[in-house]
Amino acid sequence: MARIEIMSGTERRRRWSDEAKLRILAEADQPGVRIGDVARRHDIYPSQIRLWRQSFSYVGRPAMFLPVEITEEVNAIQAPDTPPTPAVIEISLRNGRGLKVPIDVELKLLTSLVACLEAV
């Protein structure tokens, strides 16, 4: 005769606070760290870390102040015979990569570019 065991009690699904998720994401974002190793340490699947990355993406997050460094003084008046130079913003991403974009780049395009460079 087969034995059937009915288990009741707390479910396997755990609830993670935003602080805990961000701490795990920061650990997974360290250079040379593999997502699978971080997931194993915290007893979660690597896909969960990827989902958290998407949920904490820059789209829809509240604005925050970032440090800015002015590297070169720009003259407001240019000679009439020289074509205007397009203004460019250089963005340093947390994974060490950099991105240079025109100052009038659309937010949707910029968001896609940053997401692509952070995913690589």
N, C-alpha and C. Protein backbone atom coordinates (compact mmCIF):
# COMPACT_ATOMS: atom_id res chain seq x y z
N MET A 1 0.83 -1.16 0.00
CA MET A 1 0.00 0.00 0.00
C MET A 1 0.89 1.25 0.00
N ALA A 2 0.54 2.24 -0.82
CA ALA A 2 1.33 3.47 -0.93
C ALA A 2 1.00 4.42 0.22
N ARG A 3 2.00 5.14 0.65
CA ARG A 3 1.82 6.09 1.74
C ARG A 3 1.72 7.50 1.16
N ILE A 4 0.74 8.24 1.58
CA ILE A 4 0.54 9.61 1.13
C ILE A 4 0.74 10.52 2.33
N GLU A 5 1.54 11.53 2.15
CA GLU A 5 1.80 12.47 3.23
C GLU A 5 1.29 13.84 2.82
N ILE A 6 0.45 14.43 3.64
CA ILE A 6 -0.09 15.76 3.38
C ILE A 6 0.64 16.73 4.28
N MET A 7 1.26 17.72 3.65
CA MET A 7 2.03 18.71 4.41
C MET A 7 1.25 20.00 4.45
N SER A 8 1.08 20.52 5.63
CA SER A 8 0.43 21.82 5.76
C SER A 8 1.36 22.73 6.55
N GLY A 9 1.08 23.98 6.52
CA GLY A 9 1.94 24.92 7.24
C GLY A 9 2.35 26.06 6.34
N THR A 10 3.49 26.65 6.66
CA THR A 10 3.92 27.81 5.89
C THR A 10 4.33 27.39 4.49
N GLU A 11 4.06 28.26 3.56
CA GLU A 11 4.42 27.97 2.17
C GLU A 11 5.89 28.29 1.93
N ARG A 12 6.43 27.79 0.84
CA ARG A 12 7.83 27.98 0.48
C ARG A 12 8.11 29.42 0.07
N ARG A 13 7.12 30.10 -0.43
CA ARG A 13 7.32 31.46 -0.93
C ARG A 13 7.73 32.38 0.22
N ARG A 14 8.83 33.06 0.01
CA ARG A 14 9.32 34.00 1.02
C ARG A 14 9.06 35.42 0.56
N ARG A 15 8.91 36.28 1.48
CA ARG A 15 8.72 37.70 1.19
C ARG A 15 10.02 38.42 1.49
N TRP A 16 10.55 39.12 0.49
CA TRP A 16 11.82 39.83 0.64
C TRP A 16 11.53 41.32 0.73
N SER A 17 12.15 41.98 1.65
CA SER A 17 12.02 43.44 1.73
C SER A 17 12.82 44.06 0.59
N ASP A 18 12.49 45.31 0.27
CA ASP A 18 13.24 46.00 -0.78
C ASP A 18 14.70 46.15 -0.40
N GLU A 19 14.97 46.37 0.89
CA GLU A 19 16.35 46.51 1.35
C GLU A 19 17.13 45.22 1.13
N ALA A 20 16.49 44.08 1.44
CA ALA A 20 17.17 42.78 1.25
C ALA A 20 17.41 42.53 -0.24
N LYS A 21 16.44 42.86 -1.08
CA LYS A 21 16.60 42.67 -2.52
C LYS A 21 17.76 43.52 -3.04
N LEU A 22 17.79 44.80 -2.62
CA LEU A 22 18.85 45.70 -3.08
C LEU A 22 20.22 45.23 -2.58
N ARG A 23 20.29 44.69 -1.37
CA ARG A 23 21.55 44.17 -0.84
C ARG A 23 22.04 42.98 -1.68
N ILE A 24 21.12 42.08 -2.04
CA ILE A 24 21.48 40.92 -2.87
C ILE A 24 21.87 41.39 -4.28
N LEU A 25 21.15 42.37 -4.83
CA LEU A 25 21.49 42.89 -6.15
C LEU A 25 22.86 43.56 -6.14
N ALA A 26 23.16 44.29 -5.09
CA ALA A 26 24.48 44.93 -4.99
C ALA A 26 25.58 43.87 -4.91
N GLU A 27 25.30 42.78 -4.20
CA GLU A 27 26.28 41.69 -4.11
C GLU A 27 26.48 41.05 -5.48
N ALA A 28 25.40 40.88 -6.24
CA ALA A 28 25.49 40.26 -7.57
C ALA A 28 26.13 41.18 -8.60
N ASP A 29 26.12 42.49 -8.34
CA ASP A 29 26.69 43.45 -9.29
C ASP A 29 28.18 43.68 -9.10
N GLN A 30 28.78 43.06 -8.11
CA GLN A 30 30.22 43.23 -7.89
C GLN A 30 31.00 42.63 -9.05
N PRO A 31 32.13 43.23 -9.44
CA PRO A 31 32.92 42.71 -10.56
C PRO A 31 33.43 41.29 -10.25
N GLY A 32 33.29 40.41 -11.21
CA GLY A 32 33.79 39.04 -11.08
C GLY A 32 32.88 38.10 -10.32
N VAL A 33 31.73 38.57 -9.87
CA VAL A 33 30.80 37.73 -9.11
C VAL A 33 29.78 37.14 -10.07
N ARG A 34 29.51 35.84 -9.91
CA ARG A 34 28.52 35.17 -10.76
C ARG A 34 27.17 35.16 -10.06
N ILE A 35 26.11 35.41 -10.85
CA ILE A 35 24.76 35.45 -10.30
C ILE A 35 24.40 34.12 -9.66
N GLY A 36 24.80 33.02 -10.28
CA GLY A 36 24.48 31.70 -9.74
C GLY A 36 25.05 31.49 -8.34
N ASP A 37 26.26 32.00 -8.10
CA ASP A 37 26.87 31.85 -6.78
C ASP A 37 26.12 32.66 -5.73
N VAL A 38 25.73 33.88 -6.09
CA VAL A 38 24.97 34.72 -5.16
C VAL A 38 23.61 34.08 -4.87
N ALA A 39 22.96 33.58 -5.91
CA ALA A 39 21.65 32.95 -5.74
C ALA A 39 21.76 31.73 -4.82
N ARG A 40 22.78 30.94 -4.99
CA ARG A 40 22.97 29.75 -4.16
C ARG A 40 23.17 30.13 -2.69
N ARG A 41 23.95 31.19 -2.45
CA ARG A 41 24.20 31.64 -1.08
C ARG A 41 22.91 32.06 -0.37
N HIS A 42 21.98 32.62 -1.14
CA HIS A 42 20.74 33.13 -0.55
C HIS A 42 19.56 32.19 -0.78
N ASP A 43 19.83 31.01 -1.33
CA ASP A 43 18.81 29.98 -1.56
C ASP A 43 17.66 30.50 -2.43
N ILE A 44 18.02 31.13 -3.55
CA ILE A 44 17.04 31.58 -4.53
C ILE A 44 17.53 31.17 -5.91
N TYR A 45 16.66 31.27 -6.90
CA TYR A 45 17.04 30.95 -8.27
C TYR A 45 17.70 32.17 -8.91
N PRO A 46 18.66 31.95 -9.82
CA PRO A 46 19.27 33.09 -10.52
C PRO A 46 18.24 33.94 -11.27
N SER A 47 17.19 33.32 -11.76
CA SER A 47 16.16 34.09 -12.48
C SER A 47 15.47 35.09 -11.57
N GLN A 48 15.42 34.79 -10.26
CA GLN A 48 14.82 35.73 -9.32
C GLN A 48 15.65 37.01 -9.24
N ILE A 49 16.96 36.86 -9.26
CA ILE A 49 17.84 38.04 -9.24
C ILE A 49 17.62 38.87 -10.50
N ARG A 50 17.48 38.20 -11.63
CA ARG A 50 17.24 38.92 -12.89
C ARG A 50 15.90 39.65 -12.86
N LEU A 51 14.88 39.03 -12.28
CA LEU A 51 13.58 39.68 -12.17
C LEU A 51 13.65 40.90 -11.26
N TRP A 52 14.40 40.78 -10.17
CA TRP A 52 14.56 41.92 -9.27
C TRP A 52 15.29 43.05 -9.98
N ARG A 53 16.27 42.72 -10.81
CA ARG A 53 16.97 43.76 -11.57
C ARG A 53 16.00 44.53 -12.45
N GLN A 54 15.09 43.80 -13.09
CA GLN A 54 14.11 44.46 -13.95
C GLN A 54 13.16 45.31 -13.13
N SER A 55 12.72 44.81 -11.99
CA SER A 55 11.76 45.56 -11.18
C SER A 55 12.37 46.81 -10.57
N PHE A 56 13.69 46.80 -10.36
CA PHE A 56 14.37 47.97 -9.83
C PHE A 56 15.08 48.75 -10.92
N SER A 57 14.60 48.62 -12.16
CA SER A 57 15.24 49.34 -13.26
C SER A 57 15.04 50.84 -13.07
N TYR A 58 15.71 51.64 -13.87
CA TYR A 58 15.67 53.09 -13.72
C TYR A 58 14.36 53.70 -14.16
N VAL A 59 13.56 52.96 -14.95
CA VAL A 59 12.30 53.51 -15.44
C VAL A 59 11.32 53.57 -14.27
N GLY A 60 10.75 54.71 -14.05
CA GLY A 60 9.74 54.86 -13.02
C GLY A 60 10.30 55.07 -11.62
N ARG A 61 11.61 55.06 -11.47
CA ARG A 61 12.19 55.30 -10.14
C ARG A 61 12.19 56.79 -9.86
N PRO A 62 12.09 57.16 -8.60
CA PRO A 62 12.12 58.59 -8.29
C PRO A 62 13.48 59.20 -8.62
N ALA A 63 13.47 60.46 -8.94
CA ALA A 63 14.71 61.15 -9.29
C ALA A 63 15.61 61.24 -8.07
N MET A 64 16.91 61.21 -8.32
CA MET A 64 17.86 61.36 -7.22
C MET A 64 19.04 62.18 -7.72
N PHE A 65 19.75 62.77 -6.78
CA PHE A 65 20.90 63.57 -7.13
C PHE A 65 22.12 62.69 -7.32
N LEU A 66 22.91 62.99 -8.33
CA LEU A 66 24.13 62.26 -8.61
C LEU A 66 25.29 63.25 -8.63
N PRO A 67 26.49 62.79 -8.32
CA PRO A 67 27.62 63.72 -8.36
C PRO A 67 27.94 64.12 -9.81
N VAL A 68 28.24 65.37 -10.00
CA VAL A 68 28.56 65.90 -11.33
C VAL A 68 29.93 66.54 -11.27
N GLU A 69 30.72 66.30 -12.30
CA GLU A 69 32.05 66.89 -12.37
C GLU A 69 32.16 67.67 -13.67
N ILE A 70 32.46 68.95 -13.57
CA ILE A 70 32.63 69.78 -14.76
C ILE A 70 34.09 69.69 -15.16
N THR A 71 34.32 69.18 -16.36
CA THR A 71 35.69 68.92 -16.79
C THR A 71 36.27 70.01 -17.67
N GLU A 72 35.42 70.82 -18.29
CA GLU A 72 35.93 71.82 -19.22
C GLU A 72 34.96 72.99 -19.26
N GLU A 73 35.49 74.18 -19.25
CA GLU A 73 34.62 75.35 -19.32
C GLU A 73 34.23 75.59 -20.77
N VAL A 74 32.95 75.82 -20.99
CA VAL A 74 32.45 76.04 -22.34
C VAL A 74 32.09 77.52 -22.48
N ASN A 75 32.56 78.14 -23.56
CA ASN A 75 32.23 79.54 -23.83
C ASN A 75 30.83 79.62 -24.41
N ALA A 76 30.04 80.55 -23.89
CA ALA A 76 28.68 80.71 -24.38
C ALA A 76 28.64 81.36 -25.76
N ILE A 77 29.68 82.13 -26.09
CA ILE A 77 29.72 82.83 -27.38
C ILE A 77 30.71 82.11 -28.29
N GLN A 78 30.24 81.72 -29.50
CA GLN A 78 31.11 81.08 -30.48
C GLN A 78 31.30 82.03 -31.66
N ALA A 79 32.40 81.84 -32.32
CA ALA A 79 32.65 82.64 -33.52
C ALA A 79 31.58 82.30 -34.57
N PRO A 80 31.12 83.28 -35.32
CA PRO A 80 30.05 83.03 -36.29
C PRO A 80 30.43 82.07 -37.41
N ASP A 81 31.72 81.93 -37.74
CA ASP A 81 32.11 81.07 -38.86
C ASP A 81 32.30 79.60 -38.45
N THR A 82 32.26 79.29 -37.18
CA THR A 82 32.44 77.89 -36.76
C THR A 82 31.07 77.26 -36.49
N PRO A 83 30.89 76.04 -36.97
CA PRO A 83 29.61 75.38 -36.71
C PRO A 83 29.50 75.04 -35.22
N PRO A 84 28.29 75.10 -34.70
CA PRO A 84 28.13 74.80 -33.28
C PRO A 84 28.45 73.33 -33.00
N THR A 85 29.15 73.09 -31.91
CA THR A 85 29.46 71.72 -31.54
C THR A 85 28.31 71.18 -30.70
N PRO A 86 27.87 69.97 -31.02
CA PRO A 86 26.74 69.42 -30.26
C PRO A 86 27.16 69.13 -28.81
N ALA A 87 26.28 69.44 -27.91
CA ALA A 87 26.55 69.17 -26.49
C ALA A 87 26.38 67.67 -26.24
N VAL A 88 27.34 67.10 -25.52
CA VAL A 88 27.34 65.67 -25.25
C VAL A 88 27.42 65.43 -23.75
N ILE A 89 26.68 64.45 -23.27
CA ILE A 89 26.73 64.05 -21.87
C ILE A 89 27.42 62.70 -21.80
N GLU A 90 28.37 62.56 -20.89
CA GLU A 90 29.04 61.28 -20.67
C GLU A 90 28.51 60.68 -19.37
N ILE A 91 28.00 59.46 -19.46
CA ILE A 91 27.42 58.77 -18.31
C ILE A 91 28.30 57.58 -17.97
N SER A 92 28.74 57.50 -16.73
CA SER A 92 29.52 56.35 -16.25
C SER A 92 28.57 55.40 -15.54
N LEU A 93 28.48 54.18 -16.05
CA LEU A 93 27.57 53.19 -15.46
C LEU A 93 28.26 52.46 -14.32
N ARG A 94 27.47 51.81 -13.46
CA ARG A 94 28.03 51.15 -12.29
C ARG A 94 28.86 49.92 -12.64
N ASN A 95 28.71 49.38 -13.86
CA ASN A 95 29.51 48.22 -14.25
C ASN A 95 30.83 48.64 -14.90
N GLY A 96 31.15 49.95 -14.86
CA GLY A 96 32.42 50.43 -15.38
C GLY A 96 32.37 50.91 -16.82
N ARG A 97 31.29 50.67 -17.51
CA ARG A 97 31.17 51.11 -18.89
C ARG A 97 30.74 52.58 -18.93
N GLY A 98 30.99 53.21 -20.05
CA GLY A 98 30.62 54.61 -20.23
C GLY A 98 29.75 54.78 -21.45
N LEU A 99 28.98 55.84 -21.46
CA LEU A 99 28.05 56.11 -22.55
C LEU A 99 28.07 57.61 -22.82
N LYS A 100 28.29 57.99 -24.08
CA LYS A 100 28.24 59.40 -24.48
C LYS A 100 27.03 59.58 -25.38
N VAL A 101 26.17 60.50 -25.00
CA VAL A 101 24.94 60.75 -25.76
C VAL A 101 24.75 62.24 -25.94
N PRO A 102 24.04 62.64 -27.02
CA PRO A 102 23.74 64.07 -27.18
C PRO A 102 22.83 64.54 -26.05
N ILE A 103 22.91 65.82 -25.75
CA ILE A 103 22.15 66.36 -24.63
C ILE A 103 20.64 66.28 -24.86
N ASP A 104 20.22 66.23 -26.12
CA ASP A 104 18.79 66.20 -26.42
C ASP A 104 18.27 64.79 -26.72
N VAL A 105 18.97 63.76 -26.23
CA VAL A 105 18.53 62.39 -26.47
C VAL A 105 17.20 62.14 -25.76
N GLU A 106 16.33 61.38 -26.40
CA GLU A 106 15.03 61.07 -25.81
C GLU A 106 15.22 60.14 -24.61
N LEU A 107 14.42 60.33 -23.58
CA LEU A 107 14.53 59.54 -22.36
C LEU A 107 14.29 58.06 -22.63
N LYS A 108 13.36 57.75 -23.50
CA LYS A 108 13.06 56.35 -23.81
C LYS A 108 14.26 55.66 -24.46
N LEU A 109 14.91 56.34 -25.38
CA LEU A 109 16.10 55.79 -26.04
C LEU A 109 17.25 55.65 -25.04
N LEU A 110 17.45 56.67 -24.21
CA LEU A 110 18.51 56.63 -23.21
C LEU A 110 18.30 55.47 -22.24
N THR A 111 17.06 55.27 -21.81
CA THR A 111 16.74 54.16 -20.89
C THR A 111 17.07 52.82 -21.53
N SER A 112 16.74 52.66 -22.79
CA SER A 112 17.04 51.41 -23.50
C SER A 112 18.54 51.19 -23.63
N LEU A 113 19.28 52.25 -23.94
CA LEU A 113 20.73 52.14 -24.09
C LEU A 113 21.38 51.74 -22.76
N VAL A 114 20.97 52.38 -21.67
CA VAL A 114 21.54 52.07 -20.36
C VAL A 114 21.21 50.64 -19.98
N ALA A 115 19.97 50.22 -20.20
CA ALA A 115 19.59 48.84 -19.87
C ALA A 115 20.40 47.83 -20.66
N CYS A 116 20.64 48.10 -21.94
CA CYS A 116 21.44 47.19 -22.77
C CYS A 116 22.87 47.11 -22.28
N LEU A 117 23.46 48.24 -21.95
CA LEU A 117 24.86 48.22 -21.50
C LEU A 117 25.00 47.59 -20.12
N GLU A 118 24.01 47.72 -19.27
CA GLU A 118 24.10 47.09 -17.95
C GLU A 118 23.84 45.60 -18.03
N ALA A 119 23.11 45.15 -19.04
CA ALA A 119 22.80 43.74 -19.17
C ALA A 119 23.97 42.94 -19.72
N VAL A 120 24.89 43.61 -20.40
CA VAL A 120 26.02 42.92 -21.03
C VAL A 120 27.07 42.59 -20.01
